[in-house]
Structure formats: structure tokens, C-alpha cells
PDB file of N, CA and C in Angstrom:
ATOM      1  N   MET A   1       0.800  -1.087   0.034  1.00  0.00           N
ATOM      2  CA  MET A   1      -0.135   0.041  -0.008  1.00  0.00           C
ATOM      3  C   MET A   1       0.438   1.185  -0.284  1.00  0.00           C
ATOM      4  N   SER A   2       0.414   2.436  -0.543  1.00  0.00           N
ATOM      5  CA  SER A   2       1.230   3.788  -0.652  1.00  0.00           C
ATOM      6  C   SER A   2       0.283   4.894  -0.232  1.00  0.00           C
ATOM      7  N   ILE A   3       0.850   5.833   0.479  1.00  0.00           N
ATOM      8  CA  ILE A   3       0.231   6.663   1.315  1.00  0.00           C
ATOM      9  C   ILE A   3      -0.945   7.051   0.227  1.00  0.00           C
ATOM     10  N   HIS A   4      -1.186   7.333  -0.930  1.00  0.00           N
ATOM     11  CA  HIS A   4      -1.773   8.132  -1.653  1.00  0.00           C
ATOM     12  C   HIS A   4      -2.744   7.033  -1.955  1.00  0.00           C
ATOM     13  N   GLU A   5      -2.699   5.488  -1.845  1.00  0.00           N
ATOM     14  CA  GLU A   5      -3.365   4.399  -1.839  1.00  0.00           C
ATOM     15  C   GLU A   5      -4.583   4.781  -0.547  1.00  0.00           C
ATOM     16  N   LEU A   6      -3.576   4.824   0.621  1.00  0.00           N
ATOM     17  CA  LEU A   6      -4.258   4.865   1.978  1.00  0.00           C
ATOM     18  C   LEU A   6      -5.298   5.936   2.042  1.00  0.00           C
ATOM     19  N   ILE A   7      -5.096   7.075   1.233  1.00  0.00           N
ATOM     20  CA  ILE A   7      -5.680   8.625   1.671  1.00  0.00           C
ATOM     21  C   ILE A   7      -7.060   7.970   0.541  1.00  0.00           C
ATOM     22  N   LEU A   8      -6.681   7.726  -0.528  1.00  0.00           N
ATOM     23  CA  LEU A   8      -8.399   7.104  -1.511  1.00  0.00           C
ATOM     24  C   LEU A   8      -8.871   6.433  -0.763  1.00  0.00           C
ATOM     25  N   GLN A   9      -8.442   5.507   0.004  1.00  0.00           N
ATOM     26  CA  GLN A   9      -9.573   4.523   0.729  1.00  0.00           C
ATOM     27  C   GLN A   9      -9.984   4.994   1.844  1.00  0.00           C
ATOM     28  N   LEU A  10      -9.779   5.778   2.356  1.00  0.00           N
ATOM     29  CA  LEU A  10     -10.176   6.611   3.422  1.00  0.00           C
ATOM     30  C   LEU A  10     -11.188   7.476   2.649  1.00  0.00           C
ATOM     31  N   TYR A  11     -11.034   8.321   1.898  1.00  0.00           N
ATOM     32  CA  TYR A  11     -11.891   9.347   1.304  1.00  0.00           C
ATOM     33  C   TYR A  11     -11.502   9.291  -0.016  1.00  0.00           C
ATOM     34  N   PRO A  12     -12.380   8.339  -0.687  1.00  0.00           N
ATOM     35  CA  PRO A  12     -12.576   8.049  -2.320  1.00  0.00           C
ATOM     36  C   PRO A  12     -13.151   9.340  -3.029  1.00  0.00           C
ATOM     37  N   ASP A  13     -14.131  10.101  -2.087  1.00  0.00           N
ATOM     38  CA  ASP A  13     -14.548  11.464  -2.788  1.00  0.00           C
ATOM     39  C   ASP A  13     -13.419  12.665  -2.924  1.00  0.00           C
ATOM     40  N   ALA A  14     -12.420  12.107  -2.449  1.00  0.00           N
ATOM     41  CA  ALA A  14     -11.615  13.430  -2.074  1.00  0.00           C
ATOM     42  C   ALA A  14     -11.483  14.221  -3.460  1.00  0.00           C
ATOM     43  N   ASN A  15     -11.293  15.388  -3.541  1.00  0.00           N
ATOM     44  CA  ASN A  15     -10.862  16.290  -4.773  1.00  0.00           C
ATOM     45  C   ASN A  15      -9.011  16.255  -4.785  1.00  0.00           C
ATOM     46  N   ILE A  16      -8.605  15.973  -5.746  1.00  0.00           N
ATOM     47  CA  ILE A  16      -7.181  15.789  -5.866  1.00  0.00           C
ATOM     48  C   ILE A  16      -6.756  16.790  -6.762  1.00  0.00           C
ATOM     49  N   ASP A  17      -5.903  17.694  -6.798  1.00  0.00           N
ATOM     50  CA  ASP A  17      -5.408  19.147  -7.445  1.00  0.00           C
ATOM     51  C   ASP A  17      -3.983  18.978  -6.799  1.00  0.00           C
ATOM     52  N   MET A  18      -3.334  20.010  -7.739  1.00  0.00           N
ATOM     53  CA  MET A  18      -2.091  20.318  -7.633  1.00  0.00           C
ATOM     54  C   MET A  18      -1.839  21.321  -6.914  1.00  0.00           C
ATOM     55  N   SER A  19      -1.610  21.608  -5.589  1.00  0.00           N
ATOM     56  CA  SER A  19      -2.057  23.110  -4.742  1.00  0.00           C
ATOM     57  C   SER A  19       0.018  23.102  -4.608  1.00  0.00           C
ATOM     58  N   TYR A  20       0.489  24.128  -4.616  1.00  0.00           N
ATOM     59  CA  TYR A  20       2.088  24.180  -4.076  1.00  0.00           C
ATOM     60  C   TYR A  20       2.894  23.497  -4.772  1.00  0.00           C
ATOM     61  N   LYS A  21       2.531  23.348  -5.804  1.00  0.00           N
ATOM     62  CA  LYS A  21       2.855  21.726  -6.914  1.00  0.00           C
ATOM     63  C   LYS A  21       3.171  20.135  -6.121  1.00  0.00           C
ATOM     64  N   MET A  22       2.401  20.099  -5.287  1.00  0.00           N
ATOM     65  CA  MET A  22       2.077  19.143  -4.768  1.00  0.00           C
ATOM     66  C   MET A  22       0.742  18.303  -4.636  1.00  0.00           C
ATOM     67  N   PRO A  23       0.727  17.319  -5.000  1.00  0.00           N
ATOM     68  CA  PRO A  23      -0.777  16.373  -4.863  1.00  0.00           C
ATOM     69  C   PRO A  23      -1.584  16.771  -3.959  1.00  0.00           C
ATOM     70  N   THR A  24      -2.248  17.294  -3.593  1.00  0.00           N
ATOM     71  CA  THR A  24      -3.319  17.513  -2.467  1.00  0.00           C
ATOM     72  C   THR A  24      -4.479  16.932  -2.439  1.00  0.00           C
ATOM     73  N   TYR A  25      -4.889  16.345  -1.590  1.00  0.00           N
ATOM     74  CA  TYR A  25      -6.382  15.893  -1.446  1.00  0.00           C
ATOM     75  C   TYR A  25      -7.298  16.479  -0.576  1.00  0.00           C
ATOM     76  N   SER A  26      -8.425  17.035  -1.457  1.00  0.00           N
ATOM     77  CA  SER A  26      -9.186  17.923  -0.255  1.00  0.00           C
ATOM     78  C   SER A  26     -10.564  17.376  -0.307  1.00  0.00           C
ATOM     79  N   ILE A  27     -10.999  17.758   1.119  1.00  0.00           N
ATOM     80  CA  ILE A  27     -12.738  17.376   0.973  1.00  0.00           C
ATOM     81  C   ILE A  27     -13.153  19.062   1.716  1.00  0.00           C
ATOM     82  N   GLY A  28     -14.204  19.841   0.868  1.00  0.00           N
ATOM     83  CA  GLY A  28     -14.294  21.059   1.337  1.00  0.00           C
ATOM     84  C   GLY A  28     -13.265  21.773   1.981  1.00  0.00           C
ATOM     85  N   ASP A  29     -12.802  22.323   2.889  1.00  0.00           N
ATOM     86  CA  ASP A  29     -11.739  23.130   3.349  1.00  0.00           C
ATOM     87  C   ASP A  29     -10.690  22.044   4.261  1.00  0.00           C
ATOM     88  N   ALA A  30     -11.058  20.929   4.541  1.00  0.00           N
ATOM     89  CA  ALA A  30      -9.763  19.766   4.923  1.00  0.00           C
ATOM     90  C   ALA A  30      -8.782  19.434   3.718  1.00  0.00           C
ATOM     91  N   TRP A  31      -7.845  19.396   3.958  1.00  0.00           N
ATOM     92  CA  TRP A  31      -6.827  18.541   3.203  1.00  0.00           C
ATOM     93  C   TRP A  31      -5.804  17.707   3.773  1.00  0.00           C
ATOM     94  N   VAL A  32      -4.719  17.258   2.968  1.00  0.00           N
ATOM     95  CA  VAL A  32      -3.675  16.689   3.184  1.00  0.00           C
ATOM     96  C   VAL A  32      -3.029  16.701   2.025  1.00  0.00           C
ATOM     97  N   ALA A  33      -1.570  16.575   2.276  1.00  0.00           N
ATOM     98  CA  ALA A  33      -0.695  16.722   0.467  1.00  0.00           C
ATOM     99  C   ALA A  33       0.055  15.734   1.116  1.00  0.00           C
ATOM    100  N   LEU A  34       0.667  15.378  -0.452  1.00  0.00           N
ATOM    101  CA  LEU A  34       1.840  14.806  -0.396  1.00  0.00           C
ATOM    102  C   LEU A  34       3.270  15.520  -1.182  1.00  0.00           C
ATOM    103  N   ALA A  35       4.129  15.347  -0.908  1.00  0.00           N
ATOM    104  CA  ALA A  35       5.939  15.657  -1.820  1.00  0.00           C
ATOM    105  C   ALA A  35       6.619  14.777  -1.685  1.00  0.00           C
ATOM    106  N   ASN A  36       6.927  14.900  -2.605  1.00  0.00           N
ATOM    107  CA  ASN A  36       8.356  14.075  -3.466  1.00  0.00           C
ATOM    108  C   ASN A  36       9.469  14.794  -3.184  1.00  0.00           C
ATOM    109  N   GLN A  37      10.407  14.645  -2.152  1.00  0.00           N
ATOM    110  CA  GLN A  37      11.886  15.228  -2.411  1.00  0.00           C
ATOM    111  C   GLN A  37      12.652  14.409  -2.517  1.00  0.00           C
ATOM    112  N   LYS A  38      13.873  14.822  -2.619  1.00  0.00           N
ATOM    113  CA  LYS A  38      14.677  14.043  -3.284  1.00  0.00           C
ATOM    114  C   LYS A  38      15.033  13.097  -2.401  1.00  0.00           C
ATOM    115  N   GLN A  39      15.112  12.931  -1.102  1.00  0.00           N
ATOM    116  CA  GLN A  39      15.382  11.813  -0.389  1.00  0.00           C
ATOM    117  C   GLN A  39      14.354  11.454   0.510  1.00  0.00           C
ATOM    118  N   TYR A  40      13.325  11.518   0.461  1.00  0.00           N
ATOM    119  CA  TYR A  40      11.980  11.557   1.336  1.00  0.00           C
ATOM    120  C   TYR A  40      10.553  11.837   0.456  1.00  0.00           C
ATOM    121  N   ILE A  41       9.615  11.141   0.832  1.00  0.00           N
ATOM    122  CA  ILE A  41       8.376  11.660   0.812  1.00  0.00           C
ATOM    123  C   ILE A  41       7.712  12.347   2.096  1.00  0.00           C
ATOM    124  N   SER A  42       7.289  13.259   1.728  1.00  0.00           N
ATOM    125  CA  SER A  42       6.510  14.035   3.024  1.00  0.00           C
ATOM    126  C   SER A  42       4.917  13.623   3.112  1.00  0.00           C
ATOM    127  N   LEU A  43       4.228  13.862   3.984  1.00  0.00           N
ATOM    128  CA  LEU A  43       2.640  14.025   4.135  1.00  0.00           C
ATOM    129  C   LEU A  43       2.444  15.391   5.279  1.00  0.00           C
ATOM    130  N   TYR A  44       1.814  16.013   4.414  1.00  0.00           N
ATOM    131  CA  TYR A  44       1.468  17.767   5.046  1.00  0.00           C
ATOM    132  C   TYR A  44       0.228  17.717   5.480  1.00  0.00           C
ATOM    133  N   THR A  45      -0.100  18.305   6.202  1.00  0.00           N
ATOM    134  CA  THR A  45      -1.276  19.131   7.007  1.00  0.00           C
ATOM    135  C   THR A  45      -1.181  20.169   7.472  1.00  0.00           C
ATOM    136  N   CYS A  46      -2.510  20.551   7.723  1.00  0.00           N
ATOM    137  CA  CYS A  46      -2.367  22.205   8.329  1.00  0.00           C
ATOM    138  C   CYS A  46      -2.156  22.343   9.384  1.00  0.00           C
ATOM    139  N   SER A  47      -1.491  21.708  10.475  1.00  0.00           N
ATOM    140  CA  SER A  47      -1.036  22.022  11.752  1.00  0.00           C
ATOM    141  C   SER A  47      -0.474  20.681  12.373  1.00  0.00           C
ATOM    142  N   ALA A  48       0.453  21.230  13.306  1.00  0.00           N
ATOM    143  CA  ALA A  48       1.183  19.971  14.125  1.00  0.00           C
ATOM    144  C   ALA A  48       0.420  19.550  14.865  1.00  0.00           C
ATOM    145  N   SER A  49      -1.009  19.852  15.325  1.00  0.00           N
ATOM    146  CA  SER A  49      -1.494  19.443  16.079  1.00  0.00           C
ATOM    147  C   SER A  49      -1.797  17.784  15.368  1.00  0.00           C
ATOM    148  N   HIS A  50      -2.059  17.831  14.088  1.00  0.00           N
ATOM    149  CA  HIS A  50      -2.559  16.203  13.532  1.00  0.00           C
ATOM    150  C   HIS A  50      -1.514  15.535  13.671  1.00  0.00           C
ATOM    151  N   LEU A  51      -0.200  15.897  14.247  1.00  0.00           N
ATOM    152  CA  LEU A  51       0.616  15.033  14.454  1.00  0.00           C
ATOM    153  C   LEU A  51       1.168  14.106  15.692  1.00  0.00           C
ATOM    154  N   GLU A  52       0.401  14.691  16.109  1.00  0.00           N
ATOM    155  CA  GLU A  52       0.888  14.738  18.166  1.00  0.00           C
ATOM    156  C   GLU A  52       0.816  12.678  18.474  1.00  0.00           C
ATOM    157  N   SER A  53      -0.382  12.557  17.724  1.00  0.00           N
ATOM    158  CA  SER A  53      -0.334  10.858  18.352  1.00  0.00           C
ATOM    159  C   SER A  53       0.911   9.786  17.599  1.00  0.00           C
ATOM    160  N   TYR A  54       1.081  10.594  16.255  1.00  0.00           N
ATOM    161  CA  TYR A  54       2.345   9.774  15.417  1.00  0.00           C
ATOM    162  C   TYR A  54       3.249  10.137  15.943  1.00  0.00           C
ATOM    163  N   LYS A  55       4.027  11.507  16.238  1.00  0.00           N
ATOM    164  CA  LYS A  55       5.148  11.477  17.094  1.00  0.00           C
ATOM    165  C   LYS A  55       5.210  10.884  18.567  1.00  0.00           C
ATOM    166  N   GLN A  56       4.078  10.810  19.210  1.00  0.00           N
ATOM    167  CA  GLN A  56       4.558  10.132  20.510  1.00  0.00           C
ATOM    168  C   GLN A  56       4.658   8.719  20.368  1.00  0.00           C
ATOM    169  N   LYS A  57       3.949   8.245  19.567  1.00  0.00           N
ATOM    170  CA  LYS A  57       4.492   6.188  19.235  1.00  0.00           C
ATOM    171  C   LYS A  57       5.707   6.138  18.687  1.00  0.00           C
ATOM    172  N   HIS A  58       5.801   7.322  17.803  1.00  0.00           N
ATOM    173  CA  HIS A  58       7.428   6.752  16.741  1.00  0.00           C
ATOM    174  C   HIS A  58       8.390   8.667  16.921  1.00  0.00           C
ATOM    175  N   PRO A  59       8.680   8.396  17.977  1.00  0.00           N
ATOM    176  CA  PRO A  59       9.372   9.350  18.308  1.00  0.00           C
ATOM    177  C   PRO A  59      10.853   9.574  17.240  1.00  0.00           C
ATOM    178  N   ARG A  60      11.515   8.856  16.529  1.00  0.00           N
ATOM    179  CA  ARG A  60      12.355   8.880  16.079  1.00  0.00           C
ATOM    180  C   ARG A  60      12.126   9.350  14.574  1.00  0.00           C
ATOM    181  N   GLN A  61      10.736   9.224  14.159  1.00  0.00           N
ATOM    182  CA  GLN A  61      10.067   9.715  12.582  1.00  0.00           C
ATOM    183  C   GLN A  61      10.355  11.329  12.519  1.00  0.00           C
ATOM    184  N   LYS A  62      11.254  11.533  11.537  1.00  0.00           N
ATOM    185  CA  LYS A  62      11.648  12.987  11.321  1.00  0.00           C
ATOM    186  C   LYS A  62      10.476  13.293  10.449  1.00  0.00           C
ATOM    187  N   THR A  63       9.934  14.732  11.421  1.00  0.00           N
ATOM    188  CA  THR A  63       8.606  15.835  11.152  1.00  0.00           C
ATOM    189  C   THR A  63       9.046  17.120  11.242  1.00  0.00           C
ATOM    190  N   GLY A  64       8.369  17.795  10.788  1.00  0.00           N
ATOM    191  CA  GLY A  64       8.647  19.158  10.601  1.00  0.00           C
ATOM    192  C   GLY A  64       6.818  19.779  11.560  1.00  0.00           C
ATOM    193  N   LYS A  65       6.860  21.003  11.242  1.00  0.00           N
ATOM    194  CA  LYS A  65       5.631  21.707  11.955  1.00  0.00           C
ATOM    195  C   LYS A  65       4.315  20.639  11.893  1.00  0.00           C
ATOM    196  N   GLY A  66       3.966  20.554  10.447  1.00  0.00           N
ATOM    197  CA  GLY A  66       2.840  20.110   9.725  1.00  0.00           C
ATOM    198  C   GLY A  66       2.915  18.668   8.870  1.00  0.00           C
ATOM    199  N   CYS A  67       4.248  18.226   9.082  1.00  0.00           N
ATOM    200  CA  CYS A  67       4.308  17.163   8.226  1.00  0.00           C
ATOM    201  C   CYS A  67       4.994  16.161   8.573  1.00  0.00           C
ATOM    202  N   ILE A  68       5.095  14.875   7.995  1.00  0.00           N
ATOM    203  CA  ILE A  68       5.662  13.642   8.330  1.00  0.00           C
ATOM    204  C   ILE A  68       6.704  13.317   7.208  1.00  0.00           C
ATOM    205  N   ASN A  69       8.007  13.374   7.246  1.00  0.00           N
ATOM    206  CA  ASN A  69       8.988  12.740   6.629  1.00  0.00           C
ATOM    207  C   ASN A  69       9.580  11.362   6.517  1.00  0.00           C
ATOM    208  N   PHE A  70       9.292  10.501   5.270  1.00  0.00           N
ATOM    209  CA  PHE A  70       9.657   9.056   5.430  1.00  0.00           C
ATOM    210  C   PHE A  70      10.688   9.024   4.046  1.00  0.00           C
ATOM    211  N   ARG A  71      11.601   8.396   4.528  1.00  0.00           N
ATOM    212  CA  ARG A  71      12.429   7.692   4.089  1.00  0.00           C
ATOM    213  C   ARG A  71      12.252   6.726   3.565  1.00  0.00           C
ATOM    214  N   ASP A  72      13.132   6.322   2.403  1.00  0.00           N
ATOM    215  CA  ASP A  72      13.067   5.010   1.542  1.00  0.00           C
ATOM    216  C   ASP A  72      12.967   3.963   2.660  1.00  0.00           C
ATOM    217  N   SER A  73      14.219   4.320   3.681  1.00  0.00           N
ATOM    218  CA  SER A  73      14.266   3.037   4.515  1.00  0.00           C
ATOM    219  C   SER A  73      13.524   2.903   5.693  1.00  0.00           C
ATOM    220  N   ASP A  74      12.777   3.992   5.987  1.00  0.00           N
ATOM    221  CA  ASP A  74      11.747   4.039   6.923  1.00  0.00           C
ATOM    222  C   ASP A  74      10.503   3.197   6.766  1.00  0.00           C
ATOM    223  N   GLU A  75      10.235   2.724   7.928  1.00  0.00           N
ATOM    224  CA  GLU A  75       8.876   1.932   7.772  1.00  0.00           C
ATOM    225  C   GLU A  75       7.681   2.752   8.001  1.00  0.00           C
ATOM    226  N   ILE A  76       6.903   2.356   7.217  1.00  0.00           N
ATOM    227  CA  ILE A  76       5.837   3.412   7.428  1.00  0.00           C
ATOM    228  C   ILE A  76       4.396   2.526   8.172  1.00  0.00           C
ATOM    229  N   TYR A  77       3.872   3.072   9.028  1.00  0.00           N
ATOM    230  CA  TYR A  77       2.835   2.674  10.258  1.00  0.00           C
ATOM    231  C   TYR A  77       1.686   3.005   9.893  1.00  0.00           C
ATOM    232  N   TYR A  78       1.186   2.467   8.339  1.00  0.00           N
ATOM    233  CA  TYR A  78      -0.201   2.651   7.853  1.00  0.00           C
ATOM    234  C   TYR A  78      -1.012   2.745   9.025  1.00  0.00           C
ATOM    235  N   ASP A  79      -1.720   1.982  10.081  1.00  0.00           N
ATOM    236  CA  ASP A  79      -2.487   2.183  11.084  1.00  0.00           C
ATOM    237  C   ASP A  79      -2.605   3.611  11.715  1.00  0.00           C
ATOM    238  N   ASP A  80      -1.456   3.932  11.973  1.00  0.00           N
ATOM    239  CA  ASP A  80      -1.259   4.894  12.782  1.00  0.00           C
ATOM    240  C   ASP A  80      -1.151   6.431  11.972  1.00  0.00           C
ATOM    241  N   LEU A  81      -0.875   6.394  10.614  1.00  0.00           N
ATOM    242  CA  LEU A  81      -0.967   7.127   9.811  1.00  0.00           C
ATOM    243  C   LEU A  81      -2.292   7.635   9.326  1.00  0.00           C
ATOM    244  N   GLU A  82      -3.050   6.426   9.419  1.00  0.00           N
ATOM    245  CA  GLU A  82      -4.482   6.446   8.965  1.00  0.00           C
ATOM    246  C   GLU A  82      -5.162   7.894   9.986  1.00  0.00           C
ATOM    247  N   LEU A  83      -4.724   7.660  11.177  1.00  0.00           N
ATOM    248  CA  LEU A  83      -5.358   8.808  12.391  1.00  0.00           C
ATOM    249  C   LEU A  83      -5.077  10.069  11.874  1.00  0.00           C
ATOM    250  N   VAL A  84      -3.793  10.302  11.541  1.00  0.00           N
ATOM    251  CA  VAL A  84      -3.254  11.395  11.016  1.00  0.00           C
ATOM    252  C   VAL A  84      -4.047  12.139  10.077  1.00  0.00           C
ATOM    253  N   ILE A  85      -4.061  11.231   9.258  1.00  0.00           N
ATOM    254  CA  ILE A  85      -4.812  11.696   7.933  1.00  0.00           C
ATOM    255  C   ILE A  85      -6.638  12.161   8.585  1.00  0.00           C
ATOM    256  N   ARG A  86      -7.264  11.151   9.182  1.00  0.00           N
ATOM    257  CA  ARG A  86      -8.421  11.236   9.659  1.00  0.00           C
ATOM    258  C   ARG A  86      -8.753  12.201  10.482  1.00  0.00           C
ATOM    259  N   HIS A  87      -7.627  12.504  11.298  1.00  0.00           N
ATOM    260  CA  HIS A  87      -7.792  13.857  12.149  1.00  0.00           C
ATOM    261  C   HIS A  87      -7.548  14.995  11.160  1.00  0.00           C
ATOM    262  N   ALA A  88      -6.444  15.618  10.676  1.00  0.00           N
ATOM    263  CA  ALA A  88      -6.606  16.427   9.617  1.00  0.00           C
ATOM    264  C   ALA A  88      -7.946  16.873   8.742  1.00  0.00           C
ATOM    265  N   ILE A  89      -8.788  15.879   8.572  1.00  0.00           N
ATOM    266  CA  ILE A  89      -9.734  16.052   7.457  1.00  0.00           C
ATOM    267  C   ILE A  89     -10.974  16.477   8.407  1.00  0.00           C
ATOM    268  N   LYS A  90     -11.336  15.540   9.553  1.00  0.00           N
ATOM    269  CA  LYS A  90     -12.247  15.695  10.522  1.00  0.00           C
ATOM    270  C   LYS A  90     -12.113  17.186  11.220  1.00  0.00           C
ATOM    271  N   PHE A  91     -10.795  16.774  11.420  1.00  0.00           N
ATOM    272  CA  PHE A  91     -10.637  18.941  12.780  1.00  0.00           C
ATOM    273  C   PHE A  91     -11.256  19.823  11.836  1.00  0.00           C
ATOM    274  N   VAL A  92     -10.545  20.010  10.299  1.00  0.00           N
ATOM    275  CA  VAL A  92     -11.037  21.469   9.729  1.00  0.00           C
ATOM    276  C   VAL A  92     -12.688  21.077   9.536  1.00  0.00           C
ATOM    277  N   LYS A  93     -13.153  20.002   9.084  1.00  0.00           N
ATOM    278  CA  LYS A  93     -14.392  19.873   8.917  1.00  0.00           C
ATOM    279  C   LYS A  93     -15.606  20.305  10.165  1.00  0.00           C
ATOM    280  N   ALA A  94     -14.996  20.465  11.369  1.00  0.00           N
ATOM    281  CA  ALA A  94     -15.589  20.127  12.614  1.00  0.00           C
ATOM    282  C   ALA A  94     -15.635  21.736  12.808  1.00  0.00           C
ATOM    283  N   ARG A  95     -14.290  22.385  12.408  1.00  0.00           N
ATOM    284  CA  ARG A  95     -14.348  23.855  12.926  1.00  0.00           C
ATOM    285  C   ARG A  95     -14.969  24.603  11.559  1.00  0.00           C
ATOM    286  N   VAL A  96     -15.371  24.172  10.488  1.00  0.00           N
ATOM    287  CA  VAL A  96     -16.155  24.784   9.403  1.00  0.00           C
ATOM    288  C   VAL A  96     -17.506  24.668   9.644  1.00  0.00           C
ATOM    289  N   ARG A  97     -17.872  23.435  10.582  1.00  0.00           N
ATOM    290  CA  ARG A  97     -19.338  23.678  10.984  1.00  0.00           C
ATOM    291  C   ARG A  97     -19.368  24.569  12.131  1.00  0.00           C
ATOM    292  N   GLN A  98     -18.444  24.506  13.076  1.00  0.00           N
ATOM    293  CA  GLN A  98     -19.020  25.551  14.179  1.00  0.00           C
ATOM    294  C   GLN A  98     -19.411  26.636  13.902  1.00  0.00           C
ATOM    295  N   HIS A  99     -18.413  27.237  12.478  1.00  0.00           N
ATOM    296  CA  HIS A  99     -18.393  28.775  12.475  1.00  0.00           C
ATOM    297  C   HIS A  99     -19.605  28.736  11.094  1.00  0.00           C
ATOM    298  N   GLY A 100     -20.700  27.501  11.031  1.00  0.00           N
ATOM    299  CA  GLY A 100     -21.350  27.660  10.048  1.00  0.00           C
ATOM    300  C   GLY A 100     -20.776  28.024   8.472  1.00  0.00           C
ATOM    301  N   LYS A 101     -19.567  27.650   8.157  1.00  0.00           N
ATOM    302  CA  LYS A 101     -19.464  27.711   7.158  1.00  0.00           C
ATOM    303  C   LYS A 101     -19.112  26.740   6.275  1.00  0.00           C
ATOM    304  N   ASN A 102     -19.986  25.425   6.510  1.00  0.00           N
ATOM    305  CA  ASN A 102     -19.824  23.957   5.982  1.00  0.00           C
ATOM    306  C   ASN A 102     -20.013  24.123   4.484  1.00  0.00           C
ATOM    307  N   LYS A 103     -18.586  24.153   3.872  1.00  0.00           N
ATOM    308  CA  LYS A 103     -18.886  23.506   2.348  1.00  0.00           C
ATOM    309  C   LYS A 103     -18.818  22.061   1.671  1.00  0.00           C
ATOM    310  N   THR A 104     -18.989  21.195   2.343  1.00  0.00           N
ATOM    311  CA  THR A 104     -19.345  20.013   2.339  1.00  0.00           C
ATOM    312  C   THR A 104     -20.891  19.508   2.381  1.00  0.00           C
TER     313      THR A 104
END
């Protein structure tokens, strides 16, 4: 399985476009994106808060403020990564609903 396949499995109706030169998967205002760097692939979210559970379980995994970086040699824990993706999508959708601006 790839990260791309996981995202589509979780959100088959996600709109896929190229934002900031990255494949971006969005549902309304919620999104995650993938970036292929020279030595790794990154999963981007809109907030570091989405990564907290993953970082606690996998403290050696390289992360940025709102992204997780996977080198070719890194093991990808798809069950834990699923939680990151779901949190990123649900968090934004919930905030939009709270403010009465639900676009989905």
C-alpha cells in the first residue's frame, strides 16, 4: 500500500489537485498533501496538532511543523498514519461546521 492509496481508501471522494506543486487531497476546506523530495516523501497537514499521536508513538520519525517525512528506509505505520489523515480532515470539517461555513 502507498500513502496515496491510503488517502483514497479513506476518502474516495477527495478532490485531488496540485496546490503548491504537490498532490493535494481535499474535502471542502480540509486537506492533506504529499510531496516527493529528493531523499524522502512527506505527508503535509495544516497543523502540527494532527501529528501529535504519531510523534508520540514514533519519536524517531522525522517531522516538521505540519508534516511527516518518510525516507525510503523508514517503516510506514499505516494504522497510525490513518489516524493522522483522519484527524486532519475531521478537525477542519468540525471547525467549519462550528462557524457555520460548511462547504461539504
